Amino acid sequence: MTEKNNGVSPAPAGSEYIVVKAKENGVQVIGLTRGHDTRFHHTEKLDKGEVLIAQFTDHTSAMKIRGKAEIWSKHGQLESES
């Protein structure tokens, strides 16, 4: 039996996740591309109390977080400032 993935590429082995919890309305989480030219490729806007679980992939090499938020990763926890 084969598993369907609806056209979504599987995560690369060892991909990392981060968790972002908004501490105010309007927190932005911006995904940046991998490769020769780094570009924005995805943006999410979170309201106070919302949580986003994001994954680093073959296309996402970095994330930029604007606004006041708590961030958790395998490296620990930190808070961003407004």
N, C-alpha and C. Protein backbone atom coordinates (compact mmCIF):
# COMPACT_ATOMS: atom_id res chain seq x y z
N MET A 1 0.85 -1.18 0.00
CA MET A 1 0.00 0.00 0.00
C MET A 1 0.89 1.23 0.00
N THR A 2 0.60 2.18 -0.87
CA THR A 2 1.39 3.41 -0.93
C THR A 2 0.61 4.55 -0.31
N GLU A 3 1.34 5.47 0.26
CA GLU A 3 0.73 6.61 0.93
C GLU A 3 0.70 7.80 -0.02
N LYS A 4 -0.45 8.47 -0.13
CA LYS A 4 -0.56 9.66 -0.97
C LYS A 4 -0.16 10.88 -0.17
N ASN A 5 0.52 11.80 -0.83
CA ASN A 5 0.93 13.02 -0.13
C ASN A 5 0.34 14.28 -0.76
N ASN A 6 -0.61 14.13 -1.64
CA ASN A 6 -1.30 15.27 -2.27
C ASN A 6 -0.34 16.27 -2.89
N GLY A 7 0.76 15.80 -3.48
CA GLY A 7 1.69 16.69 -4.16
C GLY A 7 2.67 17.40 -3.25
N VAL A 8 2.63 17.12 -1.96
CA VAL A 8 3.54 17.77 -1.02
C VAL A 8 4.77 16.91 -0.85
N SER A 9 5.94 17.51 -1.00
CA SER A 9 7.19 16.77 -0.82
C SER A 9 7.37 16.40 0.63
N PRO A 10 7.87 15.20 0.90
CA PRO A 10 8.13 14.84 2.30
C PRO A 10 9.23 15.71 2.87
N ALA A 11 9.23 15.87 4.18
CA ALA A 11 10.26 16.67 4.84
C ALA A 11 11.60 15.96 4.72
N PRO A 12 12.68 16.71 4.54
CA PRO A 12 13.98 16.08 4.49
C PRO A 12 14.32 15.45 5.83
N ALA A 13 15.11 14.40 5.79
CA ALA A 13 15.51 13.73 7.03
C ALA A 13 16.18 14.72 7.96
N GLY A 14 15.79 14.68 9.22
CA GLY A 14 16.41 15.56 10.21
C GLY A 14 15.90 16.99 10.18
N SER A 15 14.77 17.27 9.46
CA SER A 15 14.28 18.65 9.44
C SER A 15 13.85 19.07 10.84
N GLU A 16 14.01 20.34 11.10
CA GLU A 16 13.71 20.89 12.41
C GLU A 16 12.40 21.66 12.38
N TYR A 17 11.78 21.72 13.54
CA TYR A 17 10.55 22.48 13.74
C TYR A 17 10.80 23.59 14.74
N ILE A 18 10.02 24.67 14.62
CA ILE A 18 9.98 25.68 15.67
C ILE A 18 8.51 25.91 16.01
N VAL A 19 8.26 26.36 17.22
CA VAL A 19 6.92 26.71 17.65
C VAL A 19 6.94 28.19 18.00
N VAL A 20 5.98 28.93 17.47
CA VAL A 20 5.89 30.37 17.72
C VAL A 20 4.52 30.65 18.33
N LYS A 21 4.53 31.30 19.52
CA LYS A 21 3.28 31.70 20.16
C LYS A 21 3.25 33.22 20.25
N ALA A 22 2.23 33.82 19.63
CA ALA A 22 2.10 35.27 19.59
C ALA A 22 1.73 35.81 20.97
N LYS A 23 2.45 36.84 21.41
CA LYS A 23 2.17 37.50 22.68
C LYS A 23 1.40 38.81 22.45
N GLU A 24 1.17 39.17 21.17
CA GLU A 24 0.39 40.34 20.80
C GLU A 24 -0.22 40.09 19.43
N ASN A 25 -1.20 40.88 19.06
CA ASN A 25 -1.82 40.76 17.73
C ASN A 25 -0.84 41.22 16.65
N GLY A 26 -0.89 40.57 15.49
CA GLY A 26 -0.12 41.02 14.35
C GLY A 26 1.31 40.50 14.26
N VAL A 27 1.64 39.45 15.00
CA VAL A 27 2.99 38.87 14.90
C VAL A 27 3.12 38.22 13.53
N GLN A 28 4.24 38.49 12.85
CA GLN A 28 4.48 37.91 11.52
C GLN A 28 5.60 36.88 11.59
N VAL A 29 5.36 35.74 10.94
CA VAL A 29 6.38 34.71 10.77
C VAL A 29 6.62 34.62 9.27
N ILE A 30 7.86 34.89 8.87
CA ILE A 30 8.19 34.98 7.45
C ILE A 30 9.21 33.90 7.11
N GLY A 31 8.88 33.05 6.13
CA GLY A 31 9.79 32.01 5.67
C GLY A 31 10.69 32.56 4.59
N LEU A 32 11.99 32.23 4.67
CA LEU A 32 12.98 32.68 3.68
C LEU A 32 13.52 31.48 2.93
N THR A 33 13.75 31.66 1.64
CA THR A 33 14.17 30.56 0.78
C THR A 33 15.63 30.20 0.98
N ARG A 34 15.94 29.02 0.53
CA ARG A 34 17.31 28.49 0.52
C ARG A 34 17.88 28.76 -0.87
N GLY A 35 19.19 28.85 -1.00
CA GLY A 35 19.78 28.99 -2.32
C GLY A 35 20.62 30.24 -2.46
N HIS A 36 21.01 30.51 -3.70
CA HIS A 36 21.92 31.63 -4.00
C HIS A 36 21.31 32.97 -3.60
N ASP A 37 20.03 33.19 -3.94
CA ASP A 37 19.33 34.42 -3.58
C ASP A 37 18.29 34.11 -2.52
N THR A 38 18.45 34.68 -1.33
CA THR A 38 17.48 34.48 -0.27
C THR A 38 16.29 35.40 -0.52
N ARG A 39 15.08 34.83 -0.50
CA ARG A 39 13.86 35.60 -0.76
C ARG A 39 12.78 35.18 0.22
N PHE A 40 11.82 36.09 0.43
CA PHE A 40 10.64 35.74 1.22
C PHE A 40 9.79 34.79 0.38
N HIS A 41 9.28 33.71 0.97
CA HIS A 41 8.39 32.85 0.20
C HIS A 41 7.06 32.58 0.88
N HIS A 42 6.95 32.90 2.16
CA HIS A 42 5.67 32.65 2.84
C HIS A 42 5.59 33.53 4.08
N THR A 43 4.42 34.07 4.35
CA THR A 43 4.20 34.90 5.54
C THR A 43 2.92 34.46 6.23
N GLU A 44 2.98 34.35 7.54
CA GLU A 44 1.80 34.08 8.35
C GLU A 44 1.66 35.21 9.36
N LYS A 45 0.44 35.62 9.64
CA LYS A 45 0.20 36.64 10.65
C LYS A 45 -0.58 35.98 11.78
N LEU A 46 -0.09 36.15 13.01
CA LEU A 46 -0.71 35.54 14.18
C LEU A 46 -1.29 36.59 15.10
N ASP A 47 -2.41 36.28 15.71
CA ASP A 47 -2.99 37.14 16.74
C ASP A 47 -2.61 36.59 18.11
N LYS A 48 -2.75 37.42 19.12
CA LYS A 48 -2.35 37.07 20.49
C LYS A 48 -2.92 35.71 20.88
N GLY A 49 -2.02 34.84 21.37
CA GLY A 49 -2.42 33.51 21.82
C GLY A 49 -2.36 32.45 20.75
N GLU A 50 -2.29 32.83 19.48
CA GLU A 50 -2.21 31.83 18.41
C GLU A 50 -0.82 31.21 18.38
N VAL A 51 -0.79 29.94 17.98
CA VAL A 51 0.45 29.17 17.93
C VAL A 51 0.65 28.65 16.51
N LEU A 52 1.88 28.76 16.01
CA LEU A 52 2.24 28.22 14.71
C LEU A 52 3.39 27.25 14.90
N ILE A 53 3.26 26.07 14.31
CA ILE A 53 4.36 25.10 14.29
C ILE A 53 4.89 25.13 12.86
N ALA A 54 6.15 25.49 12.71
CA ALA A 54 6.76 25.66 11.39
C ALA A 54 7.93 24.72 11.24
N GLN A 55 8.22 24.33 10.01
CA GLN A 55 9.26 23.36 9.72
C GLN A 55 10.27 23.93 8.71
N PHE A 56 11.54 23.69 8.98
CA PHE A 56 12.57 23.99 8.01
C PHE A 56 12.55 22.87 6.97
N THR A 57 12.62 23.22 5.69
CA THR A 57 12.47 22.25 4.61
C THR A 57 13.57 22.46 3.57
N ASP A 58 13.43 21.74 2.46
CA ASP A 58 14.37 21.93 1.34
C ASP A 58 14.27 23.35 0.79
N HIS A 59 13.11 24.01 0.98
CA HIS A 59 12.90 25.36 0.44
C HIS A 59 13.06 26.45 1.50
N THR A 60 12.87 26.11 2.77
CA THR A 60 12.92 27.10 3.85
C THR A 60 14.20 26.93 4.65
N SER A 61 15.05 27.96 4.60
CA SER A 61 16.32 27.88 5.32
C SER A 61 16.35 28.76 6.56
N ALA A 62 15.42 29.73 6.63
CA ALA A 62 15.40 30.66 7.76
C ALA A 62 13.99 31.18 7.95
N MET A 63 13.73 31.68 9.16
CA MET A 63 12.45 32.32 9.46
C MET A 63 12.71 33.61 10.20
N LYS A 64 11.95 34.61 9.84
CA LYS A 64 12.04 35.92 10.47
C LYS A 64 10.75 36.14 11.24
N ILE A 65 10.86 36.57 12.49
CA ILE A 65 9.68 36.77 13.32
C ILE A 65 9.62 38.23 13.74
N ARG A 66 8.51 38.90 13.39
CA ARG A 66 8.30 40.30 13.75
C ARG A 66 7.20 40.38 14.79
N GLY A 67 7.45 41.10 15.86
CA GLY A 67 6.46 41.26 16.91
C GLY A 67 6.86 40.49 18.15
N LYS A 68 6.05 40.61 19.16
CA LYS A 68 6.35 39.99 20.45
C LYS A 68 5.82 38.55 20.46
N ALA A 69 6.74 37.59 20.62
CA ALA A 69 6.36 36.19 20.55
C ALA A 69 7.30 35.33 21.39
N GLU A 70 6.81 34.16 21.79
CA GLU A 70 7.65 33.13 22.40
C GLU A 70 8.00 32.14 21.30
N ILE A 71 9.25 31.70 21.26
CA ILE A 71 9.72 30.78 20.23
C ILE A 71 10.41 29.61 20.91
N TRP A 72 10.01 28.39 20.52
CA TRP A 72 10.65 27.19 21.04
C TRP A 72 11.26 26.40 19.89
N SER A 73 12.44 25.86 20.12
CA SER A 73 13.08 24.96 19.17
C SER A 73 13.88 23.93 19.96
N LYS A 74 14.54 23.03 19.26
CA LYS A 74 15.35 22.04 19.97
C LYS A 74 16.54 22.70 20.66
N HIS A 75 16.80 23.96 20.32
CA HIS A 75 17.92 24.69 20.92
C HIS A 75 17.51 25.45 22.18
N GLY A 76 16.21 25.48 22.50
CA GLY A 76 15.75 26.17 23.69
C GLY A 76 14.59 27.09 23.41
N GLN A 77 14.31 27.96 24.37
CA GLN A 77 13.19 28.91 24.26
C GLN A 77 13.73 30.33 24.33
N LEU A 78 13.09 31.23 23.56
CA LEU A 78 13.44 32.64 23.63
C LEU A 78 12.22 33.46 23.32
N GLU A 79 12.33 34.77 23.60
CA GLU A 79 11.24 35.70 23.30
C GLU A 79 11.73 36.79 22.37
N SER A 80 10.90 37.07 21.37
CA SER A 80 11.21 38.22 20.51
C SER A 80 10.55 39.45 21.09
N GLU A 81 11.02 40.62 20.71
CA GLU A 81 10.46 41.86 21.21
C GLU A 81 9.73 42.57 20.09
N SER A 82 8.88 43.51 20.44
CA SER A 82 8.15 44.29 19.44
C SER A 82 9.11 45.17 18.67
